[in-house]
Amino acid sequence: MPSRLTDRYDVEGIRFTRKEPNDPMNRDLLNVVDGIRPGGSVYHVLRDIPDDSGDEMTILVDGVTVIHFELARISFKKTRLVGGPPCDIQIETVDDYRRRGGQGKHRIFLDHAVADARRLLAKDVRFPD
């Protein structure tokens, strides 16, 4: 049972970084997010709701900014590609998003994603000699 509870809040599966956008979908998504808010390093896909015409996405950028947008997708067999520019873009701070979301599992999941982003960003910080 404890394994299941810890797996529920595992954020490695939703994370990708600028250094490692291995999946072609993540490379496309990185370009889209850079067009909305450039300069991020660590990204977490908090919500990806597929629809017939595209996806509704919620992305956490560097543990401080949350971006919501709709993204048109083109599917070829198992591969999904970006089919156009994002629309219905909303940008908010993680504090506003947390406040609006209330309590519960989604809030705990968000807190784990924010902690993961901060840990990775702190690890990448280089101090001058």
C-alpha atoms as a PDB file:
ATOM      1  CA  MET A   1       0.000   0.000   0.000  1.00  0.00           C
ATOM      2  CA  PRO A   2       2.705   2.621   0.762  1.00  0.00           C
ATOM      3  CA  SER A   3       4.195   2.035  -2.681  1.00  0.00           C
ATOM      4  CA  ARG A   4       0.896   3.004  -4.289  1.00  0.00           C
ATOM      5  CA  LEU A   5       0.611   6.187  -2.222  1.00  0.00           C
ATOM      6  CA  THR A   6       4.126   7.313  -3.096  1.00  0.00           C
ATOM      7  CA  ASP A   7       3.593   6.469  -6.770  1.00  0.00           C
ATOM      8  CA  ARG A   8       0.487   8.646  -6.816  1.00  0.00           C
ATOM      9  CA  TYR A   9       2.593  11.768  -6.272  1.00  0.00           C
ATOM     10  CA  ASP A  10       5.621  10.760  -8.364  1.00  0.00           C
ATOM     11  CA  VAL A  11       6.357  13.738 -10.625  1.00  0.00           C
ATOM     12  CA  GLU A  12       9.189  12.253 -12.698  1.00  0.00           C
ATOM     13  CA  GLY A  13       6.730  11.000 -15.301  1.00  0.00           C
ATOM     14  CA  ILE A  14       5.343  14.478 -15.956  1.00  0.00           C
ATOM     15  CA  ARG A  15       8.686  16.322 -15.894  1.00  0.00           C
ATOM     16  CA  PHE A  16      10.938  17.289 -18.743  1.00  0.00           C
ATOM     17  CA  THR A  17      13.820  19.729 -18.820  1.00  0.00           C
ATOM     18  CA  ARG A  18      15.415  21.901 -21.437  1.00  0.00           C
ATOM     19  CA  LYS A  19      18.456  19.608 -21.369  1.00  0.00           C
ATOM     20  CA  GLU A  20      16.456  16.408 -21.875  1.00  0.00           C
ATOM     21  CA  PRO A  21      13.388  16.835 -24.105  1.00  0.00           C
ATOM     22  CA  ASN A  22      13.780  13.231 -25.349  1.00  0.00           C
ATOM     23  CA  ASP A  23      10.223  12.716 -26.556  1.00  0.00           C
ATOM     24  CA  PRO A  24       9.347  14.501 -29.851  1.00  0.00           C
ATOM     25  CA  MET A  25       6.136  15.727 -28.223  1.00  0.00           C
ATOM     26  CA  ASN A  26       8.174  17.323 -25.423  1.00  0.00           C
ATOM     27  CA  ARG A  27      10.415  19.095 -27.958  1.00  0.00           C
ATOM     28  CA  ASP A  28       7.330  20.520 -29.684  1.00  0.00           C
ATOM     29  CA  LEU A  29       5.831  21.448 -26.323  1.00  0.00           C
ATOM     30  CA  LEU A  30       9.082  23.144 -25.293  1.00  0.00           C
ATOM     31  CA  ASN A  31       8.921  25.348 -28.398  1.00  0.00           C
ATOM     32  CA  VAL A  32       5.291  26.244 -27.682  1.00  0.00           C
ATOM     33  CA  VAL A  33       5.961  27.119 -24.025  1.00  0.00           C
ATOM     34  CA  ASP A  34       9.045  29.157 -25.013  1.00  0.00           C
ATOM     35  CA  GLY A  35       6.803  31.167 -27.326  1.00  0.00           C
ATOM     36  CA  ILE A  36       4.516  31.982 -24.379  1.00  0.00           C
ATOM     37  CA  ARG A  37       7.075  32.348 -21.573  1.00  0.00           C
ATOM     38  CA  PRO A  38      10.698  32.062 -22.713  1.00  0.00           C
ATOM     39  CA  GLY A  39      13.616  31.060 -20.526  1.00  0.00           C
ATOM     40  CA  GLY A  40      12.250  28.178 -18.456  1.00  0.00           C
ATOM     41  CA  SER A  41      14.415  25.204 -17.482  1.00  0.00           C
ATOM     42  CA  VAL A  42      12.177  22.656 -15.727  1.00  0.00           C
ATOM     43  CA  TYR A  43       8.659  21.849 -16.912  1.00  0.00           C
ATOM     44  CA  HIS A  44       5.888  19.708 -15.414  1.00  0.00           C
ATOM     45  CA  VAL A  45       2.764  18.815 -17.374  1.00  0.00           C
ATOM     46  CA  LEU A  46       0.122  19.168 -14.669  1.00  0.00           C
ATOM     47  CA  ARG A  47      -2.829  18.567 -16.950  1.00  0.00           C
ATOM     48  CA  ASP A  48      -3.126  17.236 -20.497  1.00  0.00           C
ATOM     49  CA  ILE A  49      -6.743  16.748 -21.510  1.00  0.00           C
ATOM     50  CA  PRO A  50      -7.034  15.323 -25.024  1.00  0.00           C
ATOM     51  CA  ASP A  51      -9.893  16.438 -27.213  1.00  0.00           C
ATOM     52  CA  ASP A  52     -10.885  15.743 -30.806  1.00  0.00           C
ATOM     53  CA  SER A  53      -9.375  19.006 -32.014  1.00  0.00           C
ATOM     54  CA  GLY A  54      -6.374  19.190 -29.677  1.00  0.00           C
ATOM     55  CA  ASP A  55      -5.267  19.213 -26.073  1.00  0.00           C
ATOM     56  CA  GLU A  56      -5.947  21.454 -23.101  1.00  0.00           C
ATOM     57  CA  MET A  57      -2.603  21.802 -21.360  1.00  0.00           C
ATOM     58  CA  THR A  58      -1.525  23.104 -17.961  1.00  0.00           C
ATOM     59  CA  ILE A  59       2.247  23.440 -17.603  1.00  0.00           C
ATOM     60  CA  LEU A  60       4.257  24.371 -14.496  1.00  0.00           C
ATOM     61  CA  VAL A  61       7.389  26.309 -15.507  1.00  0.00           C
ATOM     62  CA  ASP A  62      10.330  26.363 -13.055  1.00  0.00           C
ATOM     63  CA  GLY A  63       7.974  25.868 -10.113  1.00  0.00           C
ATOM     64  CA  VAL A  64       6.822  29.509 -10.214  1.00  0.00           C
ATOM     65  CA  THR A  65       4.534  30.028 -13.230  1.00  0.00           C
ATOM     66  CA  VAL A  66       1.517  28.056 -14.440  1.00  0.00           C
ATOM     67  CA  ILE A  67       0.491  28.332 -18.096  1.00  0.00           C
ATOM     68  CA  HIS A  68      -2.878  27.135 -19.458  1.00  0.00           C
ATOM     69  CA  PHE A  69      -3.522  26.871 -23.193  1.00  0.00           C
ATOM     70  CA  GLU A  70      -5.203  24.854 -25.893  1.00  0.00           C
ATOM     71  CA  LEU A  71      -2.990  23.248 -28.482  1.00  0.00           C
ATOM     72  CA  ALA A  72      -4.097  21.829 -31.811  1.00  0.00           C
ATOM     73  CA  ARG A  73      -2.653  18.372 -32.431  1.00  0.00           C
ATOM     74  CA  ILE A  74      -2.119  16.248 -35.491  1.00  0.00           C
ATOM     75  CA  SER A  75      -1.916  12.497 -34.851  1.00  0.00           C
ATOM     76  CA  PHE A  76      -0.056  10.038 -37.044  1.00  0.00           C
ATOM     77  CA  LYS A  77      -0.499   6.525 -35.652  1.00  0.00           C
ATOM     78  CA  LYS A  78       1.204   6.749 -32.212  1.00  0.00           C
ATOM     79  CA  THR A  79       2.894  10.127 -32.758  1.00  0.00           C
ATOM     80  CA  ARG A  80       1.188  13.395 -31.869  1.00  0.00           C
ATOM     81  CA  LEU A  81       2.558  16.581 -33.395  1.00  0.00           C
ATOM     82  CA  VAL A  82       1.755  20.217 -32.757  1.00  0.00           C
ATOM     83  CA  GLY A  83      -0.718  21.347 -35.407  1.00  0.00           C
ATOM     84  CA  GLY A  84      -0.733  25.085 -34.848  1.00  0.00           C
ATOM     85  CA  PRO A  85      -0.107  27.909 -32.408  1.00  0.00           C
ATOM     86  CA  PRO A  86      -1.558  27.782 -28.885  1.00  0.00           C
ATOM     87  CA  CYS A  87      -4.796  29.609 -28.158  1.00  0.00           C
ATOM     88  CA  ASP A  88      -6.764  30.668 -25.066  1.00  0.00           C
ATOM     89  CA  ILE A  89      -3.507  31.341 -23.195  1.00  0.00           C
ATOM     90  CA  GLN A  90      -3.648  32.134 -19.471  1.00  0.00           C
ATOM     91  CA  ILE A  91      -0.591  32.771 -17.310  1.00  0.00           C
ATOM     92  CA  GLU A  92      -0.652  32.885 -13.505  1.00  0.00           C
ATOM     93  CA  THR A  93       1.655  32.464 -10.556  1.00  0.00           C
ATOM     94  CA  VAL A  94       1.811  29.133  -8.775  1.00  0.00           C
ATOM     95  CA  ASP A  95       0.400  30.792  -5.638  1.00  0.00           C
ATOM     96  CA  ASP A  96      -2.707  31.991  -7.499  1.00  0.00           C
ATOM     97  CA  TYR A  97      -3.138  28.566  -9.089  1.00  0.00           C
ATOM     98  CA  ARG A  98      -2.724  26.858  -5.701  1.00  0.00           C
ATOM     99  CA  ARG A  99      -5.246  29.200  -4.075  1.00  0.00           C
ATOM    100  CA  ARG A 100      -7.777  28.681  -6.852  1.00  0.00           C
ATOM    101  CA  GLY A 101      -7.353  24.886  -6.758  1.00  0.00           C
ATOM    102  CA  GLY A 102      -8.087  24.533  -3.061  1.00  0.00           C
ATOM    103  CA  GLN A 103      -7.118  21.498  -0.983  1.00  0.00           C
ATOM    104  CA  GLY A 104      -6.860  17.830  -1.851  1.00  0.00           C
ATOM    105  CA  LYS A 105      -4.887  15.445  -4.037  1.00  0.00           C
ATOM    106  CA  HIS A 106      -4.319  17.945  -6.835  1.00  0.00           C
ATOM    107  CA  ARG A 107      -2.805  20.436  -4.382  1.00  0.00           C
ATOM    108  CA  ILE A 108      -0.485  17.802  -2.918  1.00  0.00           C
ATOM    109  CA  PHE A 109       0.557  16.801  -6.446  1.00  0.00           C
ATOM    110  CA  LEU A 110       1.242  20.468  -7.307  1.00  0.00           C
ATOM    111  CA  ASP A 111       3.339  20.880  -4.157  1.00  0.00           C
ATOM    112  CA  HIS A 112       5.425  17.832  -5.102  1.00  0.00           C
ATOM    113  CA  ALA A 113       5.970  19.224  -8.617  1.00  0.00           C
ATOM    114  CA  VAL A 114       7.015  22.640  -7.233  1.00  0.00           C
ATOM    115  CA  ALA A 115       9.446  20.993  -4.783  1.00  0.00           C
ATOM    116  CA  ASP A 116      10.885  18.856  -7.606  1.00  0.00           C
ATOM    117  CA  ALA A 117      11.418  21.908  -9.832  1.00  0.00           C
ATOM    118  CA  ARG A 118      13.103  23.863  -7.034  1.00  0.00           C
ATOM    119  CA  ARG A 119      15.346  20.908  -6.198  1.00  0.00           C
ATOM    120  CA  LEU A 120      16.470  20.556  -9.821  1.00  0.00           C
ATOM    121  CA  LEU A 121      17.013  24.292 -10.219  1.00  0.00           C
ATOM    122  CA  ALA A 122      19.042  24.462  -6.977  1.00  0.00           C
ATOM    123  CA  LYS A 123      21.181  21.563  -8.185  1.00  0.00           C
ATOM    124  CA  ASP A 124      21.952  23.410 -11.441  1.00  0.00           C
ATOM    125  CA  VAL A 125      23.017  26.642  -9.711  1.00  0.00           C
ATOM    126  CA  ARG A 126      26.747  27.212  -9.998  1.00  0.00           C
ATOM    127  CA  PHE A 127      28.402  29.445  -7.461  1.00  0.00           C
ATOM    128  CA  PRO A 128      31.431  31.523  -8.540  1.00  0.00           C
ATOM    129  CA  ASP A 129      34.754  30.693  -6.885  1.00  0.00           C
END
